């Protein structure tokens, strides 16, 4: 990294997930969980969606001090694809570490 701050603010790990659901999924639906492994006493996480949620189909919730979740909060009527970026900031022993998940969500037609 050209500067120390640029390195310090970069994610420690970036992962990719592919999820597929039918358009009739019951809302709200928990579709993804994120947390450190292993988790330690004193850990605290902040989970946010940083990209791909311009129409507010998704939301995040903190489940406990070390686990956050992403929810589909609005019904998707027609088949549609989303790419959302979820960021988890882990507060551990006095410093933040950032993790990022890129989630591809595919909503398919209701086959019933």
Protein backbone atom coordinates (compact mmCIF):
# COMPACT_ATOMS: atom_id res chain seq x y z
CA UNK A 1 0.00 0.00 0.00
CA UNK A 2 1.25 3.50 -0.78
CA UNK A 3 0.20 4.80 2.66
CA UNK A 4 -0.19 3.26 6.08
CA UNK A 5 -3.81 4.46 6.45
CA UNK A 6 -4.77 2.90 3.12
CA UNK A 7 -3.51 -0.47 4.34
CA UNK A 8 -5.09 -0.07 7.75
CA UNK A 9 -8.52 0.64 6.25
CA UNK A 10 -8.42 -2.22 3.72
CA UNK A 11 -10.42 -5.40 4.42
CA UNK A 12 -8.45 -8.23 5.98
CA UNK A 13 -10.44 -10.77 3.97
CA UNK A 14 -12.92 -10.60 1.07
CA UNK A 15 -15.22 -13.58 0.43
CA UNK A 16 -17.83 -14.29 -2.26
CA UNK A 17 -21.18 -16.06 -1.80
CA UNK A 18 -23.85 -17.11 -4.30
CA UNK A 19 -27.43 -17.44 -3.01
CA UNK A 20 -30.60 -18.37 -4.89
CA UNK A 21 -34.21 -17.95 -3.69
CA UNK A 22 -37.68 -18.18 -5.25
CA UNK A 23 -39.68 -14.97 -5.64
CA UNK A 24 -42.27 -16.18 -3.07
CA UNK A 25 -39.77 -16.26 -0.17
CA UNK A 26 -41.37 -15.33 3.17
CA UNK A 27 -40.36 -11.84 4.31
CA UNK A 28 -38.37 -10.94 6.36
CA UNK A 29 -35.92 -13.69 5.46
CA UNK A 30 -32.50 -14.06 7.00
CA UNK A 31 -30.26 -14.87 4.05
CA UNK A 32 -26.72 -14.48 5.42
CA UNK A 33 -24.84 -14.43 8.73
CA UNK A 34 -21.37 -13.06 9.35
CA UNK A 35 -19.10 -13.13 12.38
CA UNK A 36 -15.52 -13.84 13.39
CA UNK A 37 -14.28 -17.39 13.86
CA UNK A 38 -13.28 -17.95 16.52
CA UNK A 39 -15.19 -15.35 18.53
CA UNK A 40 -13.78 -14.13 21.83
CA UNK A 41 -15.30 -12.50 24.88
CA UNK A 42 -15.22 -8.75 24.35
CA UNK A 43 -15.62 -8.95 20.56
CA UNK A 44 -18.07 -6.52 19.02
CA UNK A 45 -19.14 -6.27 15.37
CA UNK A 46 -20.76 -3.62 13.22
CA UNK A 47 -22.36 -4.98 10.03
CA UNK A 48 -23.42 -2.69 7.17
CA UNK A 49 -24.37 -2.99 3.52
CA UNK A 50 -22.01 -0.69 1.64
CA UNK A 51 -23.09 -1.34 -1.97
CA UNK A 52 -25.94 -2.83 -3.97
CA UNK A 53 -28.89 -1.90 -1.76
CA UNK A 54 -30.04 1.28 -3.46
CA UNK A 55 -33.68 0.11 -3.51
CA UNK A 56 -33.60 -1.04 0.15
CA UNK A 57 -34.50 -4.67 -0.43
CA UNK A 58 -31.98 -5.72 2.23
CA UNK A 59 -31.20 -4.78 5.82
CA UNK A 60 -28.70 -5.79 8.50
CA UNK A 61 -29.30 -6.70 12.12
CA UNK A 62 -26.97 -7.45 14.96
CA UNK A 63 -27.83 -10.87 16.41
CA UNK A 64 -25.37 -10.63 19.32
CA UNK A 65 -22.01 -8.98 20.10
CA UNK A 66 -20.15 -11.06 17.52
CA UNK A 67 -22.72 -11.97 14.84
CA UNK A 68 -24.63 -9.90 12.30
CA UNK A 69 -27.14 -10.95 9.67
CA UNK A 70 -28.45 -9.77 6.33
CA UNK A 71 -32.20 -9.94 5.75
CA UNK A 72 -34.31 -9.68 2.62
CA UNK A 73 -36.87 -7.19 3.94
CA UNK A 74 -39.05 -6.51 0.88
CA UNK A 75 -40.77 -8.97 -1.42
CA UNK A 76 -39.15 -9.26 -4.85
CA UNK A 77 -42.01 -9.79 -7.30
CA UNK A 78 -40.10 -10.86 -10.42
CA UNK A 79 -36.88 -12.73 -11.09
CA UNK A 80 -33.96 -10.45 -10.37
CA UNK A 81 -30.25 -10.52 -9.57
CA UNK A 82 -28.46 -8.50 -6.89
CA UNK A 83 -24.82 -8.02 -5.95
CA UNK A 84 -24.49 -6.61 -2.45
CA UNK A 85 -21.36 -5.81 -0.49
CA UNK A 86 -21.55 -6.45 3.25
CA UNK A 87 -18.88 -5.09 5.56
CA UNK A 88 -18.18 -6.35 9.05
CA UNK A 89 -16.02 -4.25 11.32
CA UNK A 90 -14.72 -6.32 14.23
CA UNK A 91 -13.70 -4.48 17.40
CA UNK A 92 -11.22 -6.71 19.21
CA UNK A 93 -8.65 -5.75 21.84
CA UNK A 94 -8.87 -2.03 21.12
CA UNK A 95 -8.74 -2.04 17.33
CA UNK A 96 -11.03 -2.50 14.32
CA UNK A 97 -10.44 -5.12 11.62
CA UNK A 98 -12.58 -5.01 8.47
CA UNK A 99 -13.99 -8.01 6.60
CA UNK A 100 -16.02 -7.83 3.40
CA UNK A 101 -18.47 -10.27 1.80
CA UNK A 102 -19.71 -9.86 -1.76
CA UNK A 103 -23.04 -11.63 -2.04
CA UNK A 104 -24.70 -12.52 -5.33
CA UNK A 105 -28.44 -12.99 -4.75
CA UNK A 106 -30.51 -14.57 -7.50
CA UNK A 107 -34.29 -14.36 -7.19
CA UNK A 108 -35.88 -16.95 -9.48
CA UNK A 109 -39.46 -17.34 -10.65
CA UNK A 110 -41.95 -19.05 -8.37
CA UNK A 111 -42.23 -22.54 -9.84
CA UNK A 112 -45.56 -23.46 -8.19
